Protein backbone atom coordinates (compact mmCIF):
# COMPACT_ATOMS: atom_id res chain seq x y z
CA MET A 1 -203.95 185.83 129.90
CA THR A 2 -204.16 189.62 129.64
CA ARG A 3 -203.28 192.70 131.65
CA LYS A 4 -206.82 192.65 133.01
CA THR A 5 -205.92 189.91 135.48
CA SER A 6 -204.13 190.63 138.76
CA PHE A 7 -201.88 187.67 137.97
CA TYR A 8 -200.45 189.23 134.79
CA TYR A 9 -197.24 190.51 136.37
CA SER A 10 -196.78 187.26 138.29
CA PHE A 11 -196.57 185.30 135.08
CA LEU A 12 -194.10 187.65 133.37
CA VAL A 13 -191.27 186.47 135.64
CA LEU A 14 -191.63 182.80 134.69
CA PRO A 15 -189.48 180.96 132.13
CA SER A 16 -191.34 180.38 128.85
CA PRO A 17 -192.39 176.71 129.38
CA GLU A 18 -193.72 177.41 132.87
CA ARG A 19 -195.42 180.61 131.71
CA ARG A 20 -197.22 178.79 128.91
CA ALA A 21 -198.26 175.98 131.27
CA ILE A 22 -199.57 178.26 133.99
CA THR A 23 -201.39 180.42 131.45
CA ALA A 24 -203.13 177.30 130.12
CA VAL A 25 -204.07 176.28 133.67
CA PHE A 26 -205.49 179.71 134.49
CA ASP A 27 -207.43 179.87 131.25
CA VAL A 28 -209.18 176.59 132.11
CA CYS A 29 -209.80 177.75 135.67
CA ARG A 30 -211.23 181.06 134.44
CA ALA A 31 -213.53 179.25 131.98
CA ILE A 32 -214.80 176.99 134.80
CA ASP A 33 -215.42 180.02 137.00
CA ASP A 34 -217.16 181.90 134.17
CA ALA A 35 -219.48 178.94 133.62
CA VAL A 36 -221.25 180.06 136.80
CA ASP A 37 -220.37 183.74 137.15
CA LEU A 38 -221.62 184.62 133.66
CA GLU A 39 -224.76 182.47 133.89
CA SER A 40 -227.79 183.67 135.84
CA ASP A 41 -229.82 180.46 135.42
CA PRO A 42 -228.74 177.80 137.98
CA ASP A 43 -229.79 174.88 135.77
CA ARG A 44 -227.70 176.14 132.86
CA ALA A 45 -224.80 176.81 135.21
CA HIS A 46 -224.88 173.24 136.52
CA ALA A 47 -225.12 171.94 132.94
CA ALA A 48 -222.05 173.98 132.03
CA LEU A 49 -220.16 172.53 134.98
CA THR A 50 -221.14 169.01 133.90
CA HIS A 51 -219.62 169.85 130.53
CA TRP A 52 -216.40 170.92 132.28
CA ARG A 53 -216.32 167.75 134.39
CA ASN A 54 -216.43 165.79 131.13
CA GLU A 55 -213.83 168.09 129.60
CA VAL A 56 -211.45 167.49 132.51
CA GLU A 57 -211.95 163.76 131.97
CA ARG A 58 -210.94 164.23 128.34
CA ILE A 59 -207.97 166.45 129.22
CA PHE A 60 -206.54 163.90 131.63
CA GLY A 61 -207.65 160.81 129.69
CA THR A 62 -207.12 159.65 126.16
CA GLY A 63 -209.97 161.65 124.65
CA ARG A 64 -209.72 164.82 122.63
CA PRO A 65 -210.70 168.02 124.50
CA GLN A 66 -213.59 169.95 122.98
CA THR A 67 -212.72 173.46 124.16
CA PRO A 68 -209.82 175.72 123.12
CA GLN A 69 -208.77 175.90 126.77
CA GLY A 70 -208.75 172.12 127.11
CA VAL A 71 -206.77 171.67 123.90
CA ALA A 72 -204.18 174.20 125.13
CA LEU A 73 -203.87 172.56 128.56
CA GLN A 74 -203.61 168.88 127.62
CA PRO A 75 -199.95 168.96 126.42
CA PHE A 76 -198.82 170.18 129.84
CA VAL A 77 -200.58 167.52 131.93
CA LYS A 78 -197.86 164.87 131.88
CA PRO A 79 -194.70 167.05 131.71
CA PHE A 80 -195.79 169.02 134.76
CA ARG A 81 -197.64 166.22 136.58
CA LEU A 82 -200.74 168.36 136.90
CA PRO A 83 -203.05 167.04 139.65
CA ARG A 84 -206.40 165.95 138.23
CA GLU A 85 -207.99 165.99 141.69
CA GLN A 86 -207.43 169.73 142.03
CA PHE A 87 -209.36 170.47 138.82
CA ASP A 88 -212.19 168.35 140.17
CA ALA A 89 -212.00 170.23 143.48
CA LEU A 90 -212.24 173.55 141.66
CA ILE A 91 -215.38 172.45 139.84
CA ASP A 92 -216.87 171.26 143.14
CA GLY A 93 -216.18 174.68 144.66
CA VAL A 94 -217.58 176.64 141.74
CA ALA A 95 -220.68 174.41 141.84
CA MET A 96 -221.32 175.78 145.34
CA ASP A 97 -221.69 179.22 143.74
CA ALA A 98 -224.23 177.93 141.23
CA SER A 99 -226.71 177.45 144.08
CA PRO A 100 -225.94 180.30 146.52
CA ARG A 101 -226.01 179.32 150.15
CA ARG A 102 -225.10 180.76 153.54
CA PHE A 103 -222.10 179.59 155.52
CA GLN A 104 -222.88 179.12 159.19
CA THR A 105 -219.30 179.00 160.44
CA PHE A 106 -215.77 179.60 159.20
CA ALA A 107 -215.25 175.84 159.44
CA GLU A 108 -217.80 175.58 156.60
CA LEU A 109 -216.26 178.41 154.57
CA GLU A 110 -212.66 177.20 154.71
CA PRO A 111 -213.23 174.05 152.55
CA TYR A 112 -214.92 176.29 149.96
CA CYS A 113 -211.80 178.48 149.92
CA HIS A 114 -209.63 175.39 149.46
CA ARG A 115 -211.71 174.27 146.49
CA VAL A 116 -211.92 177.56 144.61
CA ALA A 117 -208.49 178.99 145.47
CA SER A 118 -206.05 176.60 147.14
CA SER A 119 -206.74 174.06 144.38
CA VAL A 120 -205.26 176.49 141.85
CA GLY A 121 -202.21 177.06 144.04
CA LEU A 122 -201.64 173.31 144.24
CA MET A 123 -201.83 173.07 140.45
CA CYS A 124 -199.24 175.82 140.18
CA ALA A 125 -196.96 174.17 142.75
CA GLU A 126 -196.39 171.32 140.31
CA ILE A 127 -195.51 173.76 137.53
CA PHE A 128 -192.99 175.49 139.82
CA ARG A 129 -191.36 172.04 140.42
CA TYR A 130 -191.07 172.27 144.21
CA SER A 131 -188.69 170.06 146.19
CA ASP A 132 -189.97 170.41 149.77
CA PRO A 133 -193.52 169.05 150.36
CA ALA A 134 -194.00 171.75 153.02
CA VAL A 135 -194.63 174.12 150.13
CA LEU A 136 -198.03 172.49 149.67
CA THR A 137 -199.07 173.90 153.06
CA TYR A 138 -197.90 177.29 151.81
CA ALA A 139 -200.04 176.91 148.68
CA ARG A 140 -203.14 175.94 150.68
CA ASP A 141 -202.81 178.78 153.18
CA LEU A 142 -201.99 181.39 150.55
CA GLY A 143 -205.04 180.27 148.57
CA VAL A 144 -207.28 180.84 151.60
CA ALA A 145 -205.70 184.26 152.22
CA LEU A 146 -206.29 185.34 148.63
CA GLN A 147 -209.88 184.09 148.66
CA LEU A 148 -210.70 185.80 151.96
CA THR A 149 -209.35 189.03 150.50
CA ASN A 150 -211.56 188.54 147.45
CA ILE A 151 -214.57 187.85 149.68
CA LEU A 152 -213.91 191.01 151.68
CA ARG A 153 -213.50 193.17 148.57
CA ASP A 154 -216.67 191.80 146.96
CA VAL A 155 -219.09 191.78 149.92
CA GLY A 156 -221.34 194.37 148.27
CA VAL A 157 -221.06 192.99 144.73
CA ASP A 158 -221.72 189.43 145.89
CA TYR A 159 -224.71 190.37 148.03
CA ARG A 160 -226.38 192.08 145.07
CA ARG A 161 -226.01 188.75 143.23
CA GLY A 162 -227.63 186.79 146.06
CA ARG A 163 -224.36 185.54 147.54
CA MET A 164 -222.85 186.09 150.96
CA TYR A 165 -219.70 184.41 152.21
CA LEU A 166 -219.43 186.07 155.63
CA PRO A 167 -220.05 183.24 158.13
CA LEU A 168 -223.24 183.91 160.08
CA ALA A 169 -221.64 182.83 163.37
CA ASP A 170 -218.87 185.40 162.88
CA LEU A 171 -221.46 188.09 162.19
CA ALA A 172 -223.32 187.19 165.38
CA GLU A 173 -220.09 187.25 167.37
CA CYS A 174 -219.53 190.81 166.15
CA GLY A 175 -223.09 191.90 166.95
CA CYS A 176 -224.02 192.00 163.29
CA THR A 177 -226.72 190.30 161.18
CA GLU A 178 -227.32 189.63 157.51
CA ALA A 179 -230.02 192.32 157.64
CA ASP A 180 -227.31 194.80 158.65
CA ILE A 181 -225.26 193.81 155.60
CA ARG A 182 -228.32 194.19 153.38
CA ARG A 183 -228.96 197.71 154.68
CA GLU A 184 -225.37 198.73 153.94
CA VAL A 185 -225.76 197.42 150.39
CA GLU A 186 -229.03 199.29 149.92
CA GLU A 187 -227.60 202.53 151.34
CA ALA A 188 -224.22 202.31 149.60
CA GLY A 189 -222.57 205.61 148.86
CA HIS A 190 -222.55 207.13 152.31
CA GLY A 191 -219.86 205.06 154.01
CA ILE A 192 -220.56 202.31 156.54
CA ARG A 193 -223.37 203.46 158.81
CA ASN A 194 -223.47 200.53 161.23
CA PRO A 195 -220.24 200.22 163.26
CA GLN A 196 -220.94 196.53 163.92
CA VAL A 197 -220.73 195.87 160.19
CA ARG A 198 -217.24 197.36 160.21
CA VAL A 199 -216.35 195.16 163.19
CA ALA A 200 -217.49 192.08 161.24
CA LEU A 201 -215.42 193.06 158.21
CA GLN A 202 -212.40 193.72 160.42
CA HIS A 203 -212.85 190.23 161.82
CA LEU A 204 -212.64 188.74 158.31
CA ALA A 205 -209.61 190.91 157.52
CA ARG A 206 -207.84 189.53 160.61
CA ARG A 207 -208.47 186.01 159.34
CA ALA A 208 -206.94 186.96 155.99
CA HIS A 209 -203.88 188.38 157.77
CA GLN A 210 -203.54 185.15 159.74
CA TYR A 211 -203.52 183.07 156.58
CA PHE A 212 -201.02 185.37 154.87
CA GLU A 213 -198.78 184.95 157.91
CA ARG A 214 -199.25 181.18 157.95
CA ALA A 215 -198.38 181.00 154.27
CA ILE A 216 -195.14 182.93 154.57
CA ALA A 217 -194.14 180.89 157.64
CA ALA A 218 -194.68 177.65 155.68
CA LEU A 219 -192.71 178.68 152.57
CA PRO A 220 -189.46 176.66 152.58
CA ARG A 221 -186.43 178.84 151.89
CA THR A 222 -185.13 176.16 149.50
CA ASP A 223 -188.17 176.62 147.24
CA ALA A 224 -188.82 180.33 147.76
CA ARG A 225 -187.22 181.53 144.49
CA LYS A 226 -189.25 178.99 142.51
CA PHE A 227 -192.41 180.55 143.90
CA VAL A 228 -191.68 184.13 142.87
CA ALA A 229 -194.91 184.24 140.81
CA ALA A 230 -196.95 183.14 143.82
CA GLU A 231 -195.20 185.67 146.04
CA ILE A 232 -196.00 188.45 143.56
CA MET A 233 -199.68 187.44 143.86
CA HIS A 234 -199.18 187.50 147.63
CA SER A 235 -197.78 191.05 147.46
CA ILE A 236 -200.56 192.38 145.23
CA TYR A 237 -203.38 190.86 147.27
CA PHE A 238 -201.82 191.96 150.55
CA GLU A 239 -201.72 195.49 149.14
CA LEU A 240 -205.38 195.10 148.18
CA LEU A 241 -206.20 194.09 151.76
CA LYS A 242 -204.40 197.18 153.06
CA LYS A 243 -206.38 199.40 150.69
CA ILE A 244 -209.66 197.96 151.97
CA GLU A 245 -208.55 198.65 155.53
CA ALA A 246 -207.42 202.18 154.65
CA ALA A 247 -210.86 202.87 153.12
CA GLY A 248 -212.50 202.05 156.46
CA PHE A 249 -213.87 198.78 155.05
CA ASP A 250 -216.34 200.58 152.79
CA VAL A 251 -216.75 197.69 150.35
CA PHE A 252 -220.30 198.73 149.49
CA SER A 253 -219.88 201.97 147.55
CA GLN A 254 -216.52 201.24 145.94
CA LEU A 255 -214.46 198.31 144.70
CA ALA A 256 -210.90 198.40 146.01
CA ARG A 257 -208.20 197.93 143.37
CA VAL A 258 -204.42 197.98 143.13
CA PRO A 259 -203.53 200.16 140.11
CA ARG A 260 -201.41 198.59 137.36
CA PRO A 261 -198.31 200.73 138.04
CA ALA A 262 -198.45 199.72 141.71
CA GLN A 263 -198.78 196.06 140.73
CA ALA A 264 -195.70 196.39 138.52
CA ARG A 265 -193.71 197.97 141.35
CA LEU A 266 -194.76 195.25 143.78
CA ALA A 267 -193.80 192.58 141.26
CA LEU A 268 -190.36 194.08 140.73
CA ARG A 269 -189.74 194.52 144.45
CA THR A 270 -190.81 190.94 145.22
CA TRP A 271 -188.70 189.53 142.40
CA TRP A 272 -185.65 191.46 143.58
CA THR A 273 -186.11 190.42 147.22
CA LEU A 274 -186.29 186.73 146.31
CA ARG A 275 -183.42 187.11 143.85
CA ARG A 276 -181.26 188.29 146.76
CA GLY A 277 -182.16 185.14 148.71
CA HIS A 278 -184.64 186.72 151.12
CA ILE A 279 -188.30 185.89 151.71
CA PRO A 280 -190.47 189.01 151.36
CA ARG A 281 -192.07 190.38 154.52
CA HIS A 282 -195.34 192.01 153.62
């Protein structure tokens, strides 16, 4: 895990055993994601995911993992009660990216978000050793909020790769079409020309805000300090969402980022707030 990831500062606050465990989890998750994102041929991408399905079987079984990431993760499986089903869910979600599709409704998109994002949060919940099961609702909703923020940031990048995650029904509700999105991608560099495209992106941003709010409402006060790493991720991604909004939702000519110094400040502020016994209000 390096400074290049937005999660870097989240992990710094963890005790050493938890930090090593969560780093091993994220390295496996990143390798699974890269199996598709770094492969342009769908057949090879699906073959790579089959390899990872077998690797997960070895990690959680009695076999010997064949990848450096699998070898690093296996010692943490039993001590932290890592949930095998969430690794399988992640692979199922990433497999949806190997054969790009269109989502008709948000009801179709939400399970995808659970697979590619909430699954990781549920893995981490075990490492944080929660006591109140309500925290699992927090992990699911925060995962959706983070993924919706990612989707919003990457609308232009994803469309150039043949992917679009904006639900078509939501576009229609906002008076927008996929053709409108395509034109914005093709004409990137001049700001958003079609106001209905901005309306559609605002609609997705509101959904992200709703899930951020749901997550913070579900976080049990008794477990809040254990989830400081997750709340740092929350703070950084919420700041990313605000930057997208401040840029007028121009996600076609620029890629919104939270600079490293700002991430460090957010991490410190979140850590201090939880240390004082309060739940951050973003």
